[in-house]
Amino acid sequence: MEAHSHDHGGVVSAAGRHRGRLAVAFALIAGFCVVEAATAVLTGSLALLSDAGHMLADAVGLGVALAAVTAANRPRRRPSQTFGLYRLEILAALGNAALLLGLVAYVAVETVRRLFDPPEVLAVPMLVVATLGLVVNLVGLVLLRGGAKDSITMEGAALELFADTLGSVGAVAAAVVVLTTGWLYADALVAGVIAVMIVPRALRLGRRALSVLVQNAPPHLQPDAIQADLAALDAVVDVHDLHVWTLTSGMDVASAHLMVLAGADPHPVLDAASALLRDRYGVDHATLQVEPEDHTGCAEVRW
């Protein structure tokens, strides 16, 4: 028997609530990426071209996240999509993590190459465009900051912008060094430092996405504690087949079998269990099966 309040058609994921800000950030980053790439071609600056590549990756990541959030929050169109398309948000976050690690690999290779053969850098246009890029990234971070606290997709998008913000800061610093001292190695060294700073954040995002995809219990929900609290409810004698997982950011789900005293009214048990999961653990969607203690058959399930 499923817990009360059966209509879940109007649920919007955490990222869906910030879709407008994500769209604005995507437009800003994609637009400036074109400007930076064009400037790099006109000036022959490899440093600017590399930074444009960073921003292009950001634009792709933001675009994928925006498309995933838009698709995930559309009404379910097929009967087979019993949970809708909410998991697209998690897949987008995993893709963003992979994209970040790919960027790190590229920067690492470029760093080694430039340390052996540093190219000429046009410091003045590099400084101007990198400074503008820094401003654009900071605006994007402000737009996504709130959503990053409750959505893994928004966190991934903000992380990409943070990585590119570091790149812009590094590009500004390297341009200043080259402009004032002529030391061409500054660009490669700054790029290497940025790559090292990005790796742990990208790995953390990837681990979180994978944890959701393999349906681990969320870190803030302890199955043993939930089972003990459910077992303490009136008329409940046993709780088994308990599962807790995350559907997408801000949507935790639970299912369980509640064994009650023979002859007990299941309705109060359902109400109490649903209220406990909702109020104490923040789980609004729970599928609960109530069965009398003399019921048989559950032990036959082996997984």
C-alpha atoms as a PDB file:
ATOM      1  CA  MET A   1       0.000   0.000   0.000  1.00  0.00           C
ATOM      2  CA  GLU A   2       1.398   3.375  -0.951  1.00  0.00           C
ATOM      3  CA  ALA A   3       1.541   6.276   1.447  1.00  0.00           C
ATOM      4  CA  HIS A   4      -1.148   8.964   1.135  1.00  0.00           C
ATOM      5  CA  SER A   5      -0.962  11.873  -1.283  1.00  0.00           C
ATOM      6  CA  HIS A   6      -0.562   9.937  -4.501  1.00  0.00           C
ATOM      7  CA  ASP A   7      -0.351  12.762  -7.046  1.00  0.00           C
ATOM      8  CA  HIS A   8       3.312  13.567  -7.720  1.00  0.00           C
ATOM      9  CA  GLY A   9       2.913  14.977 -11.222  1.00  0.00           C
ATOM     10  CA  GLY A  10       3.714  18.553 -10.255  1.00  0.00           C
ATOM     11  CA  VAL A  11       7.085  17.888  -8.636  1.00  0.00           C
ATOM     12  CA  VAL A  12       9.941  20.041  -9.910  1.00  0.00           C
ATOM     13  CA  SER A  13      13.564  19.088  -9.225  1.00  0.00           C
ATOM     14  CA  ALA A  14      15.897  21.381  -7.299  1.00  0.00           C
ATOM     15  CA  ALA A  15      17.756  22.315 -10.472  1.00  0.00           C
ATOM     16  CA  GLY A  16      14.476  23.041 -12.251  1.00  0.00           C
ATOM     17  CA  ARG A  17      13.769  25.857  -9.810  1.00  0.00           C
ATOM     18  CA  HIS A  18      16.973  27.615 -10.952  1.00  0.00           C
ATOM     19  CA  ARG A  19      16.640  26.938 -14.688  1.00  0.00           C
ATOM     20  CA  GLY A  20      16.329  30.633 -15.563  1.00  0.00           C
ATOM     21  CA  ARG A  21      19.614  31.521 -13.890  1.00  0.00           C
ATOM     22  CA  LEU A  22      21.293  28.560 -15.591  1.00  0.00           C
ATOM     23  CA  ALA A  23      20.030  29.793 -18.978  1.00  0.00           C
ATOM     24  CA  VAL A  24      21.400  33.312 -18.386  1.00  0.00           C
ATOM     25  CA  ALA A  25      24.790  31.924 -17.307  1.00  0.00           C
ATOM     26  CA  PHE A  26      24.899  29.717 -20.417  1.00  0.00           C
ATOM     27  CA  ALA A  27      24.174  32.712 -22.709  1.00  0.00           C
ATOM     28  CA  LEU A  28      26.894  34.817 -21.050  1.00  0.00           C
ATOM     29  CA  ILE A  29      29.570  32.117 -21.212  1.00  0.00           C
ATOM     30  CA  ALA A  30      28.733  30.966 -24.755  1.00  0.00           C
ATOM     31  CA  GLY A  31      28.671  34.541 -26.030  1.00  0.00           C
ATOM     32  CA  PHE A  32      31.991  35.513 -24.495  1.00  0.00           C
ATOM     33  CA  CYS A  33      33.563  32.259 -25.677  1.00  0.00           C
ATOM     34  CA  VAL A  34      33.004  33.406 -29.270  1.00  0.00           C
ATOM     35  CA  VAL A  35      34.502  36.816 -28.489  1.00  0.00           C
ATOM     36  CA  GLU A  36      37.563  35.287 -26.848  1.00  0.00           C
ATOM     37  CA  ALA A  37      38.133  32.759 -29.624  1.00  0.00           C
ATOM     38  CA  ALA A  38      37.858  35.462 -32.295  1.00  0.00           C
ATOM     39  CA  THR A  39      40.329  37.663 -30.409  1.00  0.00           C
ATOM     40  CA  ALA A  40      42.743  34.753 -30.077  1.00  0.00           C
ATOM     41  CA  VAL A  41      42.678  34.113 -33.819  1.00  0.00           C
ATOM     42  CA  LEU A  42      43.157  37.789 -34.669  1.00  0.00           C
ATOM     43  CA  THR A  43      46.083  38.263 -32.273  1.00  0.00           C
ATOM     44  CA  GLY A  44      47.638  34.822 -32.703  1.00  0.00           C
ATOM     45  CA  SER A  45      47.615  34.309 -28.940  1.00  0.00           C
ATOM     46  CA  LEU A  46      47.786  30.630 -27.980  1.00  0.00           C
ATOM     47  CA  ALA A  47      47.105  31.510 -24.358  1.00  0.00           C
ATOM     48  CA  LEU A  48      43.832  33.182 -25.286  1.00  0.00           C
ATOM     49  CA  LEU A  49      42.920  30.271 -27.542  1.00  0.00           C
ATOM     50  CA  SER A  50      43.539  27.854 -24.667  1.00  0.00           C
ATOM     51  CA  ASP A  51      41.383  29.941 -22.341  1.00  0.00           C
ATOM     52  CA  ALA A  52      38.691  30.048 -25.019  1.00  0.00           C
ATOM     53  CA  GLY A  53      38.818  26.251 -25.021  1.00  0.00           C
ATOM     54  CA  HIS A  54      38.193  26.282 -21.267  1.00  0.00           C
ATOM     55  CA  MET A  55      35.227  28.566 -21.748  1.00  0.00           C
ATOM     56  CA  LEU A  56      33.915  26.427 -24.624  1.00  0.00           C
ATOM     57  CA  ALA A  57      33.976  23.420 -22.316  1.00  0.00           C
ATOM     58  CA  ASP A  58      32.060  25.479 -19.755  1.00  0.00           C
ATOM     59  CA  ALA A  59      29.502  26.455 -22.387  1.00  0.00           C
ATOM     60  CA  VAL A  60      29.069  22.825 -23.445  1.00  0.00           C
ATOM     61  CA  GLY A  61      28.726  21.703 -19.826  1.00  0.00           C
ATOM     62  CA  LEU A  62      26.212  24.442 -19.039  1.00  0.00           C
ATOM     63  CA  GLY A  63      24.275  23.671 -22.213  1.00  0.00           C
ATOM     64  CA  VAL A  64      24.109  19.968 -21.391  1.00  0.00           C
ATOM     65  CA  ALA A  65      23.010  20.757 -17.835  1.00  0.00           C
ATOM     66  CA  LEU A  66      20.340  23.165 -19.102  1.00  0.00           C
ATOM     67  CA  ALA A  67      19.034  20.626 -21.612  1.00  0.00           C
ATOM     68  CA  ALA A  68      18.999  17.888 -18.970  1.00  0.00           C
ATOM     69  CA  VAL A  69      17.155  20.037 -16.435  1.00  0.00           C
ATOM     70  CA  THR A  70      14.612  21.126 -19.060  1.00  0.00           C
ATOM     71  CA  ALA A  71      13.985  17.537 -20.145  1.00  0.00           C
ATOM     72  CA  ALA A  72      13.910  16.223 -16.595  1.00  0.00           C
ATOM     73  CA  ASN A  73      11.169  18.621 -15.533  1.00  0.00           C
ATOM     74  CA  ARG A  74       8.837  17.945 -18.427  1.00  0.00           C
ATOM     75  CA  PRO A  75       5.736  15.907 -17.655  1.00  0.00           C
ATOM     76  CA  ARG A  76       6.153  12.161 -18.094  1.00  0.00           C
ATOM     77  CA  ARG A  77       5.132  11.267 -21.640  1.00  0.00           C
ATOM     78  CA  ARG A  78       5.569   7.488 -21.690  1.00  0.00           C
ATOM     79  CA  PRO A  79       4.037   4.948 -19.318  1.00  0.00           C
ATOM     80  CA  SER A  80       7.442   3.279 -19.051  1.00  0.00           C
ATOM     81  CA  GLN A  81       8.976   6.445 -17.547  1.00  0.00           C
ATOM     82  CA  THR A  82       7.567   5.775 -14.097  1.00  0.00           C
ATOM     83  CA  PHE A  83      10.035   8.170 -12.452  1.00  0.00           C
ATOM     84  CA  GLY A  84      10.062  10.699 -15.282  1.00  0.00           C
ATOM     85  CA  LEU A  85      13.425  11.937 -16.558  1.00  0.00           C
ATOM     86  CA  TYR A  86      14.848  13.239 -13.302  1.00  0.00           C
ATOM     87  CA  ARG A  87      17.981  11.088 -13.584  1.00  0.00           C
ATOM     88  CA  LEU A  88      19.102  13.059 -16.652  1.00  0.00           C
ATOM     89  CA  GLU A  89      20.212  15.715 -14.185  1.00  0.00           C
ATOM     90  CA  ILE A  90      22.573  13.249 -12.504  1.00  0.00           C
ATOM     91  CA  LEU A  91      23.918  12.005 -15.832  1.00  0.00           C
ATOM     92  CA  ALA A  92      24.657  15.607 -16.791  1.00  0.00           C
ATOM     93  CA  ALA A  93      26.569  16.111 -13.545  1.00  0.00           C
ATOM     94  CA  LEU A  94      28.622  12.971 -14.230  1.00  0.00           C
ATOM     95  CA  GLY A  95      29.343  14.218 -17.745  1.00  0.00           C
ATOM     96  CA  ASN A  96      30.458  17.569 -16.350  1.00  0.00           C
ATOM     97  CA  ALA A  97      32.875  15.814 -13.989  1.00  0.00           C
ATOM     98  CA  ALA A  98      34.326  13.818 -16.886  1.00  0.00           C
ATOM     99  CA  LEU A  99      34.625  16.998 -18.955  1.00  0.00           C
ATOM    100  CA  LEU A 100      36.510  18.737 -16.168  1.00  0.00           C
ATOM    101  CA  LEU A 101      38.951  15.847 -15.853  1.00  0.00           C
ATOM    102  CA  GLY A 102      39.454  15.920 -19.620  1.00  0.00           C
ATOM    103  CA  LEU A 103      40.293  19.614 -19.399  1.00  0.00           C
ATOM    104  CA  VAL A 104      42.774  18.884 -16.627  1.00  0.00           C
ATOM    105  CA  ALA A 105      44.505  16.303 -18.831  1.00  0.00           C
ATOM    106  CA  TYR A 106      44.703  18.802 -21.691  1.00  0.00           C
ATOM    107  CA  VAL A 107      46.110  21.529 -19.451  1.00  0.00           C
ATOM    108  CA  ALA A 108      48.681  19.107 -18.024  1.00  0.00           C
ATOM    109  CA  VAL A 109      49.938  18.180 -21.498  1.00  0.00           C
ATOM    110  CA  GLU A 110      50.060  21.832 -22.549  1.00  0.00           C
ATOM    111  CA  THR A 111      51.906  22.749 -19.357  1.00  0.00           C
ATOM    112  CA  VAL A 112      54.670  20.223 -20.026  1.00  0.00           C
ATOM    113  CA  ARG A 113      54.964  21.267 -23.659  1.00  0.00           C
ATOM    114  CA  ARG A 114      55.201  24.964 -22.839  1.00  0.00           C
ATOM    115  CA  LEU A 115      57.807  24.418 -20.129  1.00  0.00           C
ATOM    116  CA  PHE A 116      60.095  22.951 -22.809  1.00  0.00           C
ATOM    117  CA  ASP A 117      59.105  25.338 -25.577  1.00  0.00           C
ATOM    118  CA  PRO A 118      57.302  28.439 -24.303  1.00  0.00           C
ATOM    119  CA  PRO A 119      55.469  30.233 -27.132  1.00  0.00           C
ATOM    120  CA  GLU A 120      55.328  33.978 -27.589  1.00  0.00           C
ATOM    121  CA  VAL A 121      52.389  35.493 -25.715  1.00  0.00           C
ATOM    122  CA  LEU A 122      50.746  38.799 -26.673  1.00  0.00           C
ATOM    123  CA  ALA A 123      50.321  40.002 -23.120  1.00  0.00           C
ATOM    124  CA  VAL A 124      48.224  43.149 -23.676  1.00  0.00           C
ATOM    125  CA  PRO A 125      45.251  41.575 -25.527  1.00  0.00           C
ATOM    126  CA  MET A 126      45.569  38.541 -23.266  1.00  0.00           C
ATOM    127  CA  LEU A 127      45.263  40.772 -20.190  1.00  0.00           C
ATOM    128  CA  VAL A 128      42.258  42.695 -21.538  1.00  0.00           C
ATOM    129  CA  VAL A 129      40.264  39.656 -22.648  1.00  0.00           C
ATOM    130  CA  ALA A 130      41.194  37.575 -19.602  1.00  0.00           C
ATOM    131  CA  THR A 131      39.980  40.404 -17.349  1.00  0.00           C
ATOM    132  CA  LEU A 132      36.672  40.561 -19.223  1.00  0.00           C
ATOM    133  CA  GLY A 133      36.407  36.797 -18.977  1.00  0.00           C
ATOM    134  CA  LEU A 134      36.955  37.000 -15.233  1.00  0.00           C
ATOM    135  CA  VAL A 135      34.063  39.456 -14.926  1.00  0.00           C
ATOM    136  CA  VAL A 136      31.778  37.210 -17.000  1.00  0.00           C
ATOM    137  CA  ASN A 137      32.651  34.166 -14.903  1.00  0.00           C
ATOM    138  CA  LEU A 138      32.070  36.027 -11.649  1.00  0.00           C
ATOM    139  CA  VAL A 139      28.622  37.096 -12.859  1.00  0.00           C
ATOM    140  CA  GLY A 140      27.874  33.492 -13.769  1.00  0.00           C
ATOM    141  CA  LEU A 141      28.993  32.269 -10.350  1.00  0.00           C
ATOM    142  CA  VAL A 142      26.703  34.762  -8.640  1.00  0.00           C
ATOM    143  CA  LEU A 143      23.798  33.519 -10.763  1.00  0.00           C
ATOM    144  CA  LEU A 144      24.424  29.855  -9.920  1.00  0.00           C
ATOM    145  CA  ARG A 145      25.566  30.193  -6.299  1.00  0.00           C
ATOM    146  CA  GLY A 146      22.150  29.650  -4.711  1.00  0.00           C
ATOM    147  CA  GLY A 147      21.227  26.643  -6.841  1.00  0.00           C
ATOM    148  CA  ALA A 148      24.573  24.940  -6.228  1.00  0.00           C
ATOM    149  CA  LYS A 149      23.595  24.395  -2.589  1.00  0.00           C
ATOM    150  CA  ASP A 150      20.689  22.053  -3.344  1.00  0.00           C
ATOM    151  CA  SER A 151      21.291  20.620  -6.827  1.00  0.00           C
ATOM    152  CA  ILE A 152      24.136  18.421  -8.038  1.00  0.00           C
ATOM    153  CA  THR A 153      23.657  19.687 -11.591  1.00  0.00           C
ATOM    154  CA  MET A 154      23.812  23.315 -10.481  1.00  0.00           C
ATOM    155  CA  GLU A 155      26.865  22.439  -8.385  1.00  0.00           C
ATOM    156  CA  GLY A 156      28.514  20.925 -11.454  1.00  0.00           C
ATOM    157  CA  ALA A 157      27.750  24.009 -13.529  1.00  0.00           C
ATOM    158  CA  ALA A 158      29.055  26.291 -10.789  1.00  0.00           C
ATOM    159  CA  LEU A 159      32.148  24.128 -10.445  1.00  0.00           C
ATOM    160  CA  GLU A 160      32.922  24.528 -14.136  1.00  0.00           C
ATOM    161  CA  LEU A 161      32.525  28.283 -13.835  1.00  0.00           C
ATOM    162  CA  PHE A 162      34.735  28.268 -10.746  1.00  0.00           C
ATOM    163  CA  ALA A 163      37.384  26.338 -12.657  1.00  0.00           C
ATOM    164  CA  ASP A 164      37.248  28.820 -15.510  1.00  0.00           C
ATOM    165  CA  THR A 165      37.320  31.714 -13.041  1.00  0.00           C
ATOM    166  CA  LEU A 166      40.586  30.314 -11.711  1.00  0.00           C
ATOM    167  CA  GLY A 167      41.762  30.110 -15.302  1.00  0.00           C
ATOM    168  CA  SER A 168      40.871  33.753 -15.878  1.00  0.00           C
ATOM    169  CA  VAL A 169      42.650  34.801 -12.677  1.00  0.00           C
ATOM    170  CA  GLY A 170      45.676  32.793 -13.720  1.00  0.00           C
ATOM    171  CA  ALA A 171      45.590  34.246 -17.223  1.00  0.00           C
ATOM    172  CA  VAL A 172      45.441  37.775 -15.806  1.00  0.00           C
ATOM    173  CA  ALA A 173      48.351  37.051 -13.454  1.00  0.00           C
ATOM    174  CA  ALA A 174      50.406  35.399 -16.201  1.00  0.00           C
ATOM    175  CA  ALA A 175      49.717  38.285 -18.577  1.00  0.00           C
ATOM    176  CA  VAL A 176      50.877  40.784 -15.970  1.00  0.00           C
ATOM    177  CA  VAL A 177      54.093  38.808 -15.362  1.00  0.00           C
ATOM    178  CA  VAL A 178      54.836  38.449 -19.080  1.00  0.00           C
ATOM    179  CA  LEU A 179      54.012  42.101 -19.703  1.00  0.00           C
ATOM    180  CA  THR A 180      56.240  43.388 -16.897  1.00  0.00           C
ATOM    181  CA  THR A 181      59.106  40.878 -16.951  1.00  0.00           C
ATOM    182  CA  GLY A 182      58.930  39.045 -20.298  1.00  0.00           C
ATOM    183  CA  TRP A 183      59.097  35.670 -18.468  1.00  0.00           C
ATOM    184  CA  LEU A 184      57.126  33.358 -20.799  1.00  0.00           C
ATOM    185  CA  TYR A 185      57.078  30.399 -18.396  1.00  0.00           C
ATOM    186  CA  ALA A 186      54.493  32.134 -16.215  1.00  0.00           C
ATOM    187  CA  ASP A 187      51.607  31.027 -18.434  1.00  0.00           C
ATOM    188  CA  ALA A 188      52.495  27.314 -18.238  1.00  0.00           C
ATOM    189  CA  LEU A 189      53.154  27.337 -14.500  1.00  0.00           C
ATOM    190  CA  VAL A 190      49.863  29.053 -13.705  1.00  0.00           C
ATOM    191  CA  ALA A 191      47.997  26.560 -15.903  1.00  0.00           C
ATOM    192  CA  GLY A 192      49.557  23.650 -13.995  1.00  0.00           C
ATOM    193  CA  VAL A 193      48.521  25.079 -10.620  1.00  0.00           C
ATOM    194  CA  ILE A 194      44.956  25.539 -11.852  1.00  0.00           C
ATOM    195  CA  ALA A 195      44.801  21.927 -13.049  1.00  0.00           C
ATOM    196  CA  VAL A 196      45.886  20.642  -9.627  1.00  0.00           C
ATOM    197  CA  MET A 197      43.179  22.714  -7.928  1.00  0.00           C
ATOM    198  CA  ILE A 198      40.425  21.423 -10.221  1.00  0.00           C
ATOM    199  CA  VAL A 199      41.089  17.673  -9.806  1.00  0.00           C
ATOM    200  CA  PRO A 200      39.721  17.080  -6.260  1.00  0.00           C
ATOM    201  CA  ARG A 201      36.572  19.085  -6.962  1.00  0.00           C
ATOM    202  CA  ALA A 202      35.887  17.186 -10.186  1.00  0.00           C
ATOM    203  CA  LEU A 203      36.441  13.834  -8.440  1.00  0.00           C
ATOM    204  CA  ARG A 204      34.057  14.822  -5.647  1.00  0.00           C
ATOM    205  CA  LEU A 205      31.335  15.730  -8.135  1.00  0.00           C
ATOM    206  CA  GLY A 206      31.851  12.471 -10.025  1.00  0.00           C
ATOM    207  CA  ARG A 207      31.665  10.398  -6.836  1.00  0.00           C
ATOM    208  CA  ARG A 208      28.408  12.088  -5.822  1.00  0.00           C
ATOM    209  CA  ALA A 209      26.838  11.459  -9.213  1.00  0.00           C
ATOM    210  CA  LEU A 210      27.929   7.814  -9.244  1.00  0.00           C
ATOM    211  CA  SER A 211      26.597   7.348  -5.719  1.00  0.00           C
ATOM    212  CA  VAL A 212      23.166   8.501  -6.876  1.00  0.00           C
ATOM    213  CA  LEU A 213      23.269   6.341 -10.003  1.00  0.00           C
ATOM    214  CA  VAL A 214      24.090   3.168  -8.058  1.00  0.00           C
ATOM    215  CA  GLN A 215      21.309   4.104  -5.601  1.00  0.00           C
ATOM    216  CA  ASN A 216      23.357   4.334  -2.440  1.00  0.00           C
ATOM    217  CA  ALA A 217      21.567   5.732   0.588  1.00  0.00           C
ATOM    218  CA  PRO A 218      22.081   9.526   0.772  1.00  0.00           C
ATOM    219  CA  PRO A 219      24.827  10.529   3.230  1.00  0.00           C
ATOM    220  CA  HIS A 220      22.371  12.435   5.425  1.00  0.00           C
ATOM    221  CA  LEU A 221      19.995   9.459   5.751  1.00  0.00           C
ATOM    222  CA  GLN A 222      21.022   6.454   7.849  1.00  0.00           C
ATOM    223  CA  PRO A 223      18.968   3.329   6.981  1.00  0.00           C
ATOM    224  CA  ASP A 224      19.595   1.764  10.420  1.00  0.00           C
ATOM    225  CA  ALA A 225      18.169   4.825  12.186  1.00  0.00           C
ATOM    226  CA  ILE A 226      15.157   4.968   9.861  1.00  0.00           C
ATOM    227  CA  GLN A 227      14.488   1.272  10.398  1.00  0.00           C
ATOM    228  CA  ALA A 228      14.667   1.659  14.174  1.00  0.00           C
ATOM    229  CA  ASP A 229      12.306   4.644  14.171  1.00  0.00           C
ATOM    230  CA  LEU A 230       9.782   2.863  11.967  1.00  0.00           C
ATOM    231  CA  ALA A 231       9.972  -0.250  14.163  1.00  0.00           C
ATOM    232  CA  ALA A 232       9.183   1.894  17.212  1.00  0.00           C
ATOM    233  CA  LEU A 233       5.796   2.959  15.839  1.00  0.00           C
ATOM    234  CA  ASP A 234       2.666   1.630  17.532  1.00  0.00           C
ATOM    235  CA  ALA A 235       1.551  -1.813  16.311  1.00  0.00           C
ATOM    236  CA  VAL A 236       4.731  -2.309  14.239  1.00  0.00           C
ATOM    237  CA  VAL A 237       6.600  -5.500  15.156  1.00  0.00           C
ATOM    238  CA  ASP A 238       9.170  -5.615  12.359  1.00  0.00           C
ATOM    239  CA  VAL A 239      10.571  -3.538   9.484  1.00  0.00           C
ATOM    240  CA  HIS A 240      12.323  -5.181   6.568  1.00  0.00           C
ATOM    241  CA  ASP A 241      13.114  -4.696   2.866  1.00  0.00           C
ATOM    242  CA  LEU A 242      13.946  -1.066   3.606  1.00  0.00           C
ATOM    243  CA  HIS A 243      15.466   0.938   0.739  1.00  0.00           C
ATOM    244  CA  VAL A 244      16.467   4.612   0.728  1.00  0.00           C
ATOM    245  CA  TRP A 245      17.884   6.330  -2.332  1.00  0.00           C
ATOM    246  CA  THR A 246      18.057   9.631  -4.192  1.00  0.00           C
ATOM    247  CA  LEU A 247      16.096  10.085  -7.396  1.00  0.00           C
ATOM    248  CA  THR A 248      17.698  13.430  -8.200  1.00  0.00           C
ATOM    249  CA  SER A 249      18.879  16.476  -6.269  1.00  0.00           C
ATOM    250  CA  GLY A 250      16.434  17.286  -3.482  1.00  0.00           C
ATOM    251  CA  MET A 251      14.304  14.163  -4.091  1.00  0.00           C
ATOM    252  CA  ASP A 252      14.964  11.341  -1.628  1.00  0.00           C
ATOM    253  CA  VAL A 253      12.799   8.216  -1.891  1.00  0.00           C
ATOM    254  CA  ALA A 254      12.115   5.307   0.455  1.00  0.00           C
ATOM    255  CA  SER A 255      10.307   1.992   0.407  1.00  0.00           C
ATOM    256  CA  ALA A 256       9.780  -0.532   3.192  1.00  0.00           C
ATOM    257  CA  HIS A 257       7.678  -3.410   4.472  1.00  0.00           C
ATOM    258  CA  LEU A 258       6.044  -2.760   7.839  1.00  0.00           C
ATOM    259  CA  MET A 259       4.930  -5.859   9.725  1.00  0.00           C
ATOM    260  CA  VAL A 260       2.143  -5.114  12.229  1.00  0.00           C
ATOM    261  CA  LEU A 261       0.232  -7.027  14.847  1.00  0.00           C
ATOM    262  CA  ALA A 262      -2.388  -9.355  13.436  1.00  0.00           C
ATOM    263  CA  GLY A 263      -5.717  -7.544  13.267  1.00  0.00           C
ATOM    264  CA  ALA A 264      -4.154  -4.058  13.594  1.00  0.00           C
ATOM    265  CA  ASP A 265      -5.626  -1.248  11.491  1.00  0.00           C
ATOM    266  CA  PRO A 266      -3.048  -0.439   8.760  1.00  0.00           C
ATOM    267  CA  HIS A 267      -4.261   3.140   8.160  1.00  0.00           C
ATOM    268  CA  PRO A 268      -2.850   4.731  11.342  1.00  0.00           C
ATOM    269  CA  VAL A 269       0.416   2.879  10.748  1.00  0.00           C
ATOM    270  CA  LEU A 270       0.676   4.260   7.222  1.00  0.00           C
ATOM    271  CA  ASP A 271      -0.094   7.781   8.405  1.00  0.00           C
ATOM    272  CA  ALA A 272       2.429   7.624  11.250  1.00  0.00           C
ATOM    273  CA  ALA A 273       5.174   6.108   9.074  1.00  0.00           C
ATOM    274  CA  SER A 274       4.637   8.645   6.283  1.00  0.00           C
ATOM    275  CA  ALA A 275       4.677  11.541   8.756  1.00  0.00           C
ATOM    276  CA  LEU A 276       7.868  10.232  10.383  1.00  0.00           C
ATOM    277  CA  LEU A 277       9.706   9.927   7.072  1.00  0.00           C
ATOM    278  CA  ARG A 278       8.489  13.333   5.916  1.00  0.00           C
ATOM    279  CA  ASP A 279       8.982  15.372   9.079  1.00  0.00           C
ATOM    280  CA  ARG A 280      12.077  13.746  10.582  1.00  0.00           C
ATOM    281  CA  TYR A 281      13.976  12.710   7.449  1.00  0.00           C
ATOM    282  CA  GLY A 282      12.597  14.929   4.674  1.00  0.00           C
ATOM    283  CA  VAL A 283      11.444  11.973   2.556  1.00  0.00           C
ATOM    284  CA  ASP A 284       8.202  13.039   0.898  1.00  0.00           C
ATOM    285  CA  HIS A 285       7.845  10.049  -1.430  1.00  0.00           C
ATOM    286  CA  ALA A 286       7.600   6.751   0.424  1.00  0.00           C
ATOM    287  CA  THR A 287       6.086   3.483  -0.755  1.00  0.00           C
ATOM    288  CA  LEU A 288       5.113   1.452   2.307  1.00  0.00           C
ATOM    289  CA  GLN A 289       3.726  -2.059   2.364  1.00  0.00           C
ATOM    290  CA  VAL A 290       1.866  -3.021   5.539  1.00  0.00           C
ATOM    291  CA  GLU A 291       1.527  -6.724   6.266  1.00  0.00           C
ATOM    292  CA  PRO A 292       0.243  -8.640   9.324  1.00  0.00           C
ATOM    293  CA  GLU A 293       2.754 -10.578  11.402  1.00  0.00           C
ATOM    294  CA  ASP A 294       1.228 -13.905  10.303  1.00  0.00           C
ATOM    295  CA  HIS A 295       1.850 -13.042   6.629  1.00  0.00           C
ATOM    296  CA  THR A 296       4.277 -15.293   4.712  1.00  0.00           C
ATOM    297  CA  GLY A 297       6.142 -14.923   1.436  1.00  0.00           C
ATOM    298  CA  CYS A 298       8.552 -12.016   1.950  1.00  0.00           C
ATOM    299  CA  ALA A 299      11.357 -14.373   2.929  1.00  0.00           C
ATOM    300  CA  GLU A 300      11.250 -15.773  -0.599  1.00  0.00           C
ATOM    301  CA  VAL A 301      12.789 -12.574  -1.996  1.00  0.00           C
ATOM    302  CA  ARG A 302      16.550 -13.170  -2.237  1.00  0.00           C
ATOM    303  CA  TRP A 303      17.858  -9.765  -3.362  1.00  0.00           C
END
